[in-house]
Amino acid sequence: MTSVKEQEAIKKLMVFLQEWDSAHKVARSRILDNFIKSNDGKTEPELELEFSQGASLFLARLTAWLRMTYMHSSCLNKLLKSIGIFLSAASGRRYLIEFLEIGGVLILLEILGLNHLKEEDKRESVKLLQLIADAGRKYKELICESYGVQSLAEFLATSNSAEAQEDVQVLMDSLGRGNPKYQNQVYKGLVAVLPCASPRAQQLALQTLRVMQDMVGEAPSILVEPVLGVLRSVHLEVQYEATQLLKALMAHEVRPALLKGLVALLMPPRKKAFTFCAETAKDPTVLYLREPMLVYIQQAAAAKVIGVLAKESAEVAEELIQLKVVHGLMVAVGNLDHVASQRHASISLEYFVHTFPFVEEHVKKALGHTLFQRFMDSPETWYTKMDPVQAEELASNIVDIPRGTARMQS
């Protein structure tokens, strides 16, 4: 037999639920405000005490309303935050199960793909997915089985909110850990983000790929083109993260393909550079970079990365020489249309010349005594005094170091 106090509590709960059931949108929004303010951070026992052991009855109403209105609800953010109070409650695993039973994961993922919804609503959806992933491996698998990696990757690539993108990165990192069945799927999902137009998404994807690399083991060959592709970015933070990932990948089987690709970027098809397109003429405040300027940015980045990788490992430096990197660097130094290509290629070439005597011999022979001396005296500025004839000689150089020379002389 229940006590008078318990009866009063139950009556209070029933009144609250009836108020919710009969309320329209504005009144429900107010109820949610009060619920969030009063219950944020509470544990499962505390929520049950608040709702007279009937908290699940309110959660069921919240999830039912979410299911019916998530495509057009004006207070979706409050609704998701309210559900989040249940999902984050300590000892509240049963709330999580109740939410999943109504298809909660699919709803949250679908929210991410609805273009008309606000970014803050989608960010709240990501936070709930994070709470689900934090519950353990089988819950991570459930998200992945529901095509969650694809949905999250697409949202990361298209979101306009840096905060939301960072939340997605944390979730993708979480899905990639302690989830061996879908680890490679997460990795490939991040690779798919790299060609997108968002530099922040590229940066975050590159960071997460580098962290995941040791867990994944061998990198798939599909990684080569997207990673080399991001070297076209004008954003230094993207270039930096790409360099860090490339350094990590030197310990894996994909290394020869990456090195071959980097050397090839030093020798793009020779075209006349132009940096503005029709859209720029219409709106001078917007600069649209076009071929071959993006190719030249990529050329400069490749020259810089080659220097970094060569200095990290003598073995990598030798492999690059076999791939005719000296010829490629000299081509880049001769690119009068892009000073950055000349600078980075010259600095990297200096390393090879100082490290390998046979490279010095070939470069000196190609440049001639006077030009070679200028290069040795000031590798960071000598190209600024280069005339078009000298630049053409560099761009069309035929330096060809015999295969095996690097290994023999090292």
Protein backbone atom coordinates (compact mmCIF):
# COMPACT_ATOMS: atom_id res chain seq x y z
CA MET A 1 0.00 0.00 0.00
CA THR A 2 1.40 3.36 -1.04
CA SER A 3 1.84 6.15 1.46
CA VAL A 4 0.07 9.48 1.24
CA LYS A 5 3.34 11.10 0.19
CA GLU A 6 3.81 8.60 -2.66
CA GLN A 7 0.21 9.09 -3.78
CA GLU A 8 0.74 12.85 -3.94
CA ALA A 9 3.92 12.37 -5.96
CA ILE A 10 2.15 10.07 -8.43
CA LYS A 11 -0.74 12.54 -8.73
CA LYS A 12 1.77 15.32 -9.43
CA LEU A 13 3.36 13.21 -12.16
CA MET A 14 0.01 12.46 -13.78
CA VAL A 15 -0.91 16.15 -13.77
CA PHE A 16 2.45 16.97 -15.41
CA LEU A 17 1.99 14.32 -18.10
CA GLN A 18 -1.58 15.45 -18.81
CA GLU A 19 -0.33 19.02 -19.10
CA TRP A 20 2.23 17.87 -21.66
CA ASP A 21 -0.28 15.79 -23.60
CA SER A 22 -2.75 18.66 -23.91
CA ALA A 23 -0.17 21.41 -24.53
CA HIS A 24 0.46 23.04 -27.90
CA LYS A 25 3.89 23.90 -29.31
CA VAL A 26 4.48 27.10 -27.31
CA ALA A 27 3.46 25.51 -24.01
CA ARG A 28 5.60 22.44 -24.68
CA SER A 29 8.56 24.67 -25.46
CA ARG A 30 8.11 26.30 -22.04
CA ILE A 31 7.88 22.88 -20.34
CA LEU A 32 11.14 21.86 -22.03
CA ASP A 33 12.85 25.07 -20.87
CA ASN A 34 11.87 24.32 -17.28
CA PHE A 35 12.88 20.66 -17.57
CA ILE A 36 16.34 21.52 -18.94
CA LYS A 37 16.90 24.19 -16.30
CA SER A 38 15.87 21.93 -13.42
CA ASN A 39 17.35 18.57 -14.45
CA ASP A 40 20.55 19.10 -16.40
CA GLY A 41 23.28 16.82 -15.02
CA LYS A 42 21.00 14.66 -12.87
CA THR A 43 21.59 10.94 -12.40
CA GLU A 44 19.06 8.20 -13.10
CA PRO A 45 18.01 7.91 -9.41
CA GLU A 46 17.58 11.68 -9.22
CA LEU A 47 15.43 11.76 -12.36
CA GLU A 48 13.31 8.91 -11.05
CA LEU A 49 12.85 10.76 -7.77
CA GLU A 50 11.84 13.87 -9.69
CA PHE A 51 9.27 11.88 -11.70
CA SER A 52 8.06 9.54 -8.96
CA GLN A 53 9.70 6.51 -10.62
CA GLY A 54 8.01 7.42 -13.90
CA ALA A 55 10.77 9.28 -15.78
CA SER A 56 10.50 6.82 -18.66
CA LEU A 57 6.91 7.97 -19.24
CA PHE A 58 8.15 11.48 -19.99
CA LEU A 59 11.06 10.20 -22.08
CA ALA A 60 8.58 8.16 -24.16
CA ARG A 61 6.60 11.33 -24.86
CA LEU A 62 9.74 13.22 -25.85
CA THR A 63 10.86 10.50 -28.26
CA ALA A 64 7.36 10.19 -29.74
CA TRP A 65 7.23 13.93 -30.36
CA LEU A 66 10.72 13.84 -31.85
CA ARG A 67 9.72 11.07 -34.23
CA MET A 68 6.70 13.04 -35.41
CA THR A 69 8.20 16.52 -35.68
CA TYR A 70 11.98 16.35 -36.24
CA MET A 71 11.68 17.36 -39.91
CA HIS A 72 10.03 20.69 -39.12
CA SER A 73 10.02 21.28 -35.35
CA SER A 74 10.77 24.85 -34.30
CA CYS A 75 12.02 23.73 -30.88
CA LEU A 76 14.05 20.72 -32.04
CA ASN A 77 17.10 21.98 -30.18
CA LYS A 78 15.29 21.97 -26.82
CA LEU A 79 13.79 18.58 -27.54
CA LEU A 80 17.20 17.06 -28.29
CA LYS A 81 18.74 18.67 -25.22
CA SER A 82 15.95 17.25 -23.05
CA ILE A 83 16.53 13.75 -24.44
CA GLY A 84 20.23 14.30 -23.85
CA ILE A 85 19.57 14.75 -20.13
CA PHE A 86 18.20 11.20 -20.04
CA LEU A 87 20.94 9.71 -22.24
CA SER A 88 23.73 11.33 -20.22
CA ALA A 89 22.29 10.43 -16.80
CA ALA A 90 24.68 8.31 -14.74
CA SER A 91 23.31 4.77 -14.30
CA GLY A 92 20.70 5.56 -16.94
CA ARG A 93 21.46 2.79 -19.45
CA ARG A 94 17.77 1.88 -19.61
CA TYR A 95 16.96 5.36 -20.95
CA LEU A 96 19.47 4.79 -23.72
CA ILE A 97 17.91 1.45 -24.63
CA GLU A 98 14.42 2.96 -24.64
CA PHE A 99 15.61 5.69 -27.02
CA LEU A 100 17.29 3.20 -29.36
CA GLU A 101 14.18 1.00 -29.45
CA ILE A 102 12.19 3.74 -31.16
CA GLY A 103 14.88 4.12 -33.87
CA GLY A 104 16.66 7.01 -32.21
CA VAL A 105 19.97 6.51 -34.07
CA LEU A 106 18.32 6.65 -37.50
CA ILE A 107 16.43 9.81 -36.57
CA LEU A 108 19.60 11.53 -35.33
CA LEU A 109 21.48 10.59 -38.50
CA GLU A 110 18.64 11.75 -40.73
CA ILE A 111 18.63 15.13 -38.98
CA LEU A 112 22.23 15.64 -40.15
CA GLY A 113 21.18 15.35 -43.79
CA LEU A 114 18.24 17.77 -43.70
CA ASN A 115 19.43 20.97 -45.35
CA HIS A 116 16.66 23.18 -43.96
CA LEU A 117 17.50 22.47 -40.31
CA LYS A 118 19.73 24.77 -38.28
CA GLU A 119 23.38 23.95 -37.64
CA GLU A 120 22.85 24.08 -33.87
CA ASP A 121 20.12 21.43 -34.15
CA LYS A 122 22.46 19.18 -36.10
CA ARG A 123 25.22 19.79 -33.58
CA GLU A 124 22.87 18.70 -30.79
CA SER A 125 22.15 15.56 -32.79
CA VAL A 126 25.89 14.82 -33.00
CA LYS A 127 26.18 15.23 -29.22
CA LEU A 128 23.47 12.61 -28.69
CA LEU A 129 25.23 10.24 -31.09
CA GLN A 130 28.38 10.79 -29.05
CA LEU A 131 26.54 9.78 -25.87
CA ILE A 132 25.38 6.62 -27.62
CA ALA A 133 28.90 5.82 -28.87
CA ASP A 134 30.30 6.38 -25.38
CA ALA A 135 28.09 3.56 -24.08
CA GLY A 136 30.31 0.89 -25.65
CA ARG A 137 31.36 -1.11 -28.66
CA LYS A 138 27.96 -2.55 -29.60
CA TYR A 139 26.52 0.97 -29.68
CA LYS A 140 29.34 2.19 -31.93
CA GLU A 141 28.59 -0.75 -34.22
CA LEU A 142 24.91 0.21 -34.25
CA ILE A 143 25.76 3.72 -35.45
CA CYS A 144 28.04 2.34 -38.18
CA GLU A 145 25.48 -0.27 -39.25
CA SER A 146 22.98 2.56 -39.69
CA TYR A 147 25.25 4.21 -42.32
CA GLY A 148 26.39 6.61 -39.65
CA VAL A 149 29.94 7.02 -40.98
CA GLN A 150 28.66 8.20 -44.36
CA SER A 151 26.19 10.65 -42.77
CA LEU A 152 28.82 12.04 -40.40
CA ALA A 153 31.43 12.39 -43.16
CA GLU A 154 28.97 14.27 -45.38
CA PHE A 155 28.00 16.58 -42.52
CA LEU A 156 31.66 17.23 -41.66
CA ALA A 157 32.36 18.15 -45.28
CA THR A 158 29.37 20.47 -45.72
CA SER A 159 28.78 22.04 -42.29
CA ASN A 160 29.25 25.79 -41.89
CA SER A 161 29.77 25.52 -38.13
CA ALA A 162 33.34 25.03 -36.90
CA GLU A 163 31.99 23.87 -33.52
CA ALA A 164 29.77 21.24 -35.16
CA GLN A 165 32.67 20.04 -37.31
CA GLU A 166 34.84 19.64 -34.20
CA ASP A 167 32.08 17.63 -32.52
CA VAL A 168 31.91 15.35 -35.57
CA GLN A 169 35.68 14.89 -35.47
CA VAL A 170 35.49 13.77 -31.84
CA LEU A 171 32.69 11.34 -32.70
CA MET A 172 34.51 9.93 -35.74
CA ASP A 173 37.62 9.45 -33.62
CA SER A 174 35.50 7.65 -31.02
CA LEU A 175 33.91 5.39 -33.67
CA GLY A 176 37.41 4.52 -34.90
CA ARG A 177 38.56 3.30 -31.48
CA GLY A 178 37.55 0.03 -29.85
CA ASN A 179 35.45 -0.77 -32.90
CA PRO A 180 37.52 -3.21 -34.99
CA LYS A 181 34.61 -4.34 -37.16
CA TYR A 182 34.07 -0.84 -38.59
CA GLN A 183 37.47 0.78 -38.04
CA ASN A 184 38.40 0.70 -41.73
CA GLN A 185 35.01 2.09 -42.67
CA VAL A 186 35.63 5.11 -40.42
CA TYR A 187 39.10 5.56 -41.93
CA LYS A 188 37.75 5.49 -45.50
CA GLY A 189 34.95 7.86 -44.49
CA LEU A 190 37.56 10.40 -43.40
CA VAL A 191 39.49 9.92 -46.64
CA ALA A 192 36.28 10.72 -48.53
CA VAL A 193 36.15 14.10 -46.75
CA LEU A 194 39.54 15.26 -48.10
CA PRO A 195 38.39 16.47 -51.56
CA CYS A 196 35.67 18.70 -50.04
CA ALA A 197 35.63 22.51 -50.23
CA SER A 198 35.87 23.12 -46.46
CA PRO A 199 39.45 23.71 -45.24
CA ARG A 200 38.38 23.13 -41.64
CA ALA A 201 36.88 19.76 -42.53
CA GLN A 202 40.05 18.84 -44.44
CA GLN A 203 42.20 19.81 -41.47
CA LEU A 204 40.13 17.80 -38.98
CA ALA A 205 39.94 14.76 -41.27
CA LEU A 206 43.73 14.79 -41.76
CA GLN A 207 44.29 15.05 -38.00
CA THR A 208 42.01 12.10 -37.28
CA LEU A 209 43.52 9.98 -40.06
CA ARG A 210 46.98 10.52 -38.58
CA VAL A 211 45.77 9.50 -35.12
CA MET A 212 44.06 6.41 -36.56
CA GLN A 213 46.99 5.36 -38.75
CA ASP A 214 48.74 3.17 -36.19
CA MET A 215 45.46 1.47 -35.26
CA VAL A 216 44.50 0.76 -38.86
CA GLY A 217 47.89 -0.56 -39.89
CA GLU A 218 48.41 -0.47 -43.64
CA ALA A 219 46.87 2.49 -45.42
CA PRO A 220 44.66 1.73 -48.44
CA SER A 221 45.85 2.81 -51.88
CA ILE A 222 42.74 5.00 -52.25
CA LEU A 223 44.44 7.40 -49.82
CA VAL A 224 47.17 8.49 -52.24
CA GLU A 225 45.23 10.76 -54.59
CA PRO A 226 43.13 12.58 -51.92
CA VAL A 227 46.14 13.28 -49.68
CA LEU A 228 48.21 14.63 -52.55
CA GLY A 229 45.14 16.56 -53.68
CA VAL A 230 44.89 18.59 -50.46
CA LEU A 231 48.35 20.00 -51.20
CA ARG A 232 46.46 22.39 -53.51
CA SER A 233 44.98 24.09 -50.46
CA VAL A 234 45.91 27.73 -49.88
CA HIS A 235 45.39 27.20 -46.15
CA LEU A 236 48.63 26.61 -44.26
CA GLU A 237 46.92 24.61 -41.51
CA VAL A 238 45.69 22.11 -44.12
CA GLN A 239 49.16 21.92 -45.68
CA TYR A 240 50.67 21.31 -42.22
CA GLU A 241 48.30 18.46 -41.37
CA ALA A 242 48.86 16.88 -44.79
CA THR A 243 52.61 16.98 -44.18
CA GLN A 244 52.23 15.36 -40.76
CA LEU A 245 50.10 12.57 -42.23
CA LEU A 246 52.58 12.02 -45.07
CA LYS A 247 55.38 11.70 -42.51
CA ALA A 248 53.37 9.05 -40.66
CA LEU A 249 52.65 7.18 -43.91
CA MET A 250 56.35 6.79 -44.74
CA ALA A 251 56.40 3.74 -42.46
CA HIS A 252 53.74 1.97 -44.55
CA GLU A 253 53.49 0.13 -47.85
CA VAL A 254 51.81 3.08 -49.54
CA ARG A 255 55.11 5.03 -49.36
CA PRO A 256 56.38 4.30 -52.93
CA ALA A 257 53.11 5.48 -54.46
CA LEU A 258 53.12 8.66 -52.36
CA LEU A 259 56.75 9.50 -53.21
CA LYS A 260 56.15 8.86 -56.90
CA GLY A 261 53.09 11.12 -56.74
CA LEU A 262 54.99 13.90 -54.96
CA VAL A 263 57.77 13.91 -57.57
CA ALA A 264 55.20 13.98 -60.38
CA LEU A 265 53.64 17.11 -58.84
CA LEU A 266 56.94 18.94 -59.34
CA MET A 267 56.49 18.67 -63.11
CA PRO A 268 52.96 19.81 -64.01
CA PRO A 269 51.98 20.33 -67.68
CA ARG A 270 53.46 23.63 -68.81
CA LYS A 271 50.74 26.24 -69.25
CA LYS A 272 50.46 29.97 -68.99
CA ALA A 273 49.31 30.89 -65.48
CA PHE A 274 46.17 32.86 -64.80
CA THR A 275 44.72 33.43 -61.35
CA PHE A 276 41.37 35.05 -62.01
CA CYS A 277 38.28 33.63 -63.61
CA ALA A 278 34.99 35.14 -64.79
CA GLU A 279 33.44 35.01 -61.31
CA THR A 280 36.25 37.21 -59.98
CA ALA A 281 35.50 39.87 -62.58
CA LYS A 282 31.89 39.98 -61.39
CA ASP A 283 32.87 40.20 -57.73
CA PRO A 284 36.42 41.55 -57.12
CA THR A 285 36.17 40.69 -53.40
CA VAL A 286 36.17 36.98 -54.26
CA LEU A 287 39.26 35.33 -55.68
CA TYR A 288 38.62 32.12 -57.57
CA LEU A 289 41.89 30.25 -58.06
CA ARG A 290 41.97 28.22 -61.23
CA GLU A 291 44.30 25.95 -63.18
CA PRO A 292 47.21 26.19 -63.33
CA MET A 293 47.58 28.40 -60.23
CA LEU A 294 46.22 25.60 -58.02
CA VAL A 295 48.69 23.26 -59.71
CA TYR A 296 51.51 25.67 -58.87
CA ILE A 297 50.40 25.85 -55.24
CA GLN A 298 50.46 22.04 -55.25
CA GLN A 299 53.90 22.08 -56.89
CA ALA A 300 55.28 24.37 -54.19
CA ALA A 301 53.76 22.27 -51.42
CA ALA A 302 55.18 19.07 -52.93
CA ALA A 303 58.64 20.64 -53.09
CA LYS A 304 58.39 21.63 -49.44
CA VAL A 305 57.09 18.23 -48.30
CA ILE A 306 59.83 16.43 -50.24
CA GLY A 307 62.45 18.38 -48.31
CA VAL A 308 60.77 17.52 -45.01
CA LEU A 309 60.53 13.80 -45.81
CA ALA A 310 64.08 13.59 -47.14
CA LYS A 311 65.51 15.19 -43.99
CA GLU A 312 63.52 12.75 -41.83
CA SER A 313 64.96 9.64 -43.51
CA ALA A 314 68.04 8.97 -45.61
CA GLU A 315 66.28 5.94 -47.05
CA VAL A 316 63.38 8.09 -48.24
CA ALA A 317 65.86 10.61 -49.70
CA GLU A 318 67.53 7.81 -51.69
CA GLU A 319 64.18 6.59 -52.99
CA LEU A 320 63.31 10.11 -54.10
CA ILE A 321 66.56 10.38 -56.03
CA GLN A 322 65.72 7.13 -57.82
CA LEU A 323 62.37 8.73 -58.76
CA LYS A 324 64.25 11.67 -60.42
CA VAL A 325 63.42 14.19 -57.72
CA VAL A 326 66.51 16.29 -58.60
CA HIS A 327 65.21 16.80 -62.12
CA GLY A 328 61.76 17.68 -60.73
CA LEU A 329 63.09 20.17 -58.19
CA MET A 330 65.09 21.96 -60.89
CA VAL A 331 61.94 22.16 -63.03
CA ALA A 332 60.11 23.79 -60.10
CA VAL A 333 62.96 26.26 -59.49
CA GLY A 334 62.57 27.35 -63.11
CA ASN A 335 58.88 28.21 -62.66
CA LEU A 336 58.98 32.01 -62.95
CA ASP A 337 55.19 32.14 -62.60
CA HIS A 338 55.24 31.00 -58.96
CA VAL A 339 57.87 32.26 -56.52
CA ALA A 340 56.81 29.82 -53.77
CA SER A 341 57.61 26.89 -56.07
CA GLN A 342 61.05 28.34 -56.74
CA ARG A 343 61.77 28.99 -53.05
CA HIS A 344 60.68 25.61 -51.66
CA ALA A 345 62.23 23.65 -54.53
CA SER A 346 65.52 25.50 -54.12
CA ILE A 347 65.66 24.84 -50.36
CA SER A 348 64.89 21.14 -50.85
CA LEU A 349 67.41 20.90 -53.72
CA GLU A 350 70.07 22.39 -51.46
CA TYR A 351 69.57 19.51 -49.00
CA PHE A 352 70.11 16.89 -51.70
CA VAL A 353 73.18 18.73 -53.03
CA HIS A 354 74.78 19.01 -49.58
CA THR A 355 73.91 15.44 -48.60
CA PHE A 356 74.81 13.53 -51.77
CA PRO A 357 78.08 14.46 -53.58
CA PHE A 358 76.94 12.83 -56.82
CA VAL A 359 73.83 15.07 -56.81
CA GLU A 360 76.10 18.08 -56.43
CA GLU A 361 78.08 16.96 -59.47
CA HIS A 362 74.99 16.60 -61.66
CA VAL A 363 73.42 19.90 -60.53
CA LYS A 364 76.69 21.80 -61.00
CA LYS A 365 77.03 20.40 -64.50
CA ALA A 366 73.43 21.38 -65.35
CA LEU A 367 73.62 24.91 -63.92
CA GLY A 368 77.11 25.89 -64.96
CA HIS A 369 79.76 27.29 -62.61
CA THR A 370 78.37 30.83 -62.17
CA LEU A 371 74.72 29.93 -61.59
CA PHE A 372 75.69 27.00 -59.36
CA GLN A 373 77.81 29.28 -57.20
CA ARG A 374 74.89 31.70 -56.78
CA PHE A 375 72.73 28.76 -55.74
CA MET A 376 75.28 27.56 -53.17
CA ASP A 377 75.84 31.07 -51.78
CA SER A 378 72.15 31.88 -51.31
CA PRO A 379 69.71 29.02 -52.03
CA GLU A 380 66.78 31.01 -50.58
CA THR A 381 67.17 34.02 -52.89
CA TRP A 382 69.33 33.13 -55.93
CA TYR A 383 66.30 32.43 -58.10
CA THR A 384 65.12 36.07 -57.77
CA LYS A 385 68.02 37.14 -60.01
CA MET A 386 67.38 34.47 -62.60
CA ASP A 387 66.66 35.64 -66.14
CA PRO A 388 64.07 33.94 -68.42
CA VAL A 389 66.75 32.08 -70.38
CA GLN A 390 68.24 30.56 -67.22
CA ALA A 391 64.76 29.70 -65.94
CA GLU A 392 63.97 27.95 -69.22
CA GLU A 393 67.18 25.94 -68.96
CA LEU A 394 66.16 24.78 -65.49
CA ALA A 395 62.58 24.03 -66.51
CA SER A 396 63.81 21.91 -69.42
CA ASN A 397 66.80 20.32 -67.68
CA ILE A 398 67.72 16.74 -68.53
CA VAL A 399 69.44 15.77 -65.27
CA ASP A 400 69.19 12.01 -65.03
CA ILE A 401 70.98 10.34 -62.15
CA PRO A 402 71.43 6.61 -62.93
CA ARG A 403 69.26 4.28 -60.89
CA GLY A 404 71.10 2.74 -57.98
CA THR A 405 73.60 5.62 -57.66
CA ALA A 406 72.12 6.87 -54.38
CA ARG A 407 72.29 3.46 -52.74
CA MET A 408 75.84 2.82 -53.98
CA GLN A 409 77.27 6.10 -52.79
CA SER A 410 75.39 6.28 -49.48
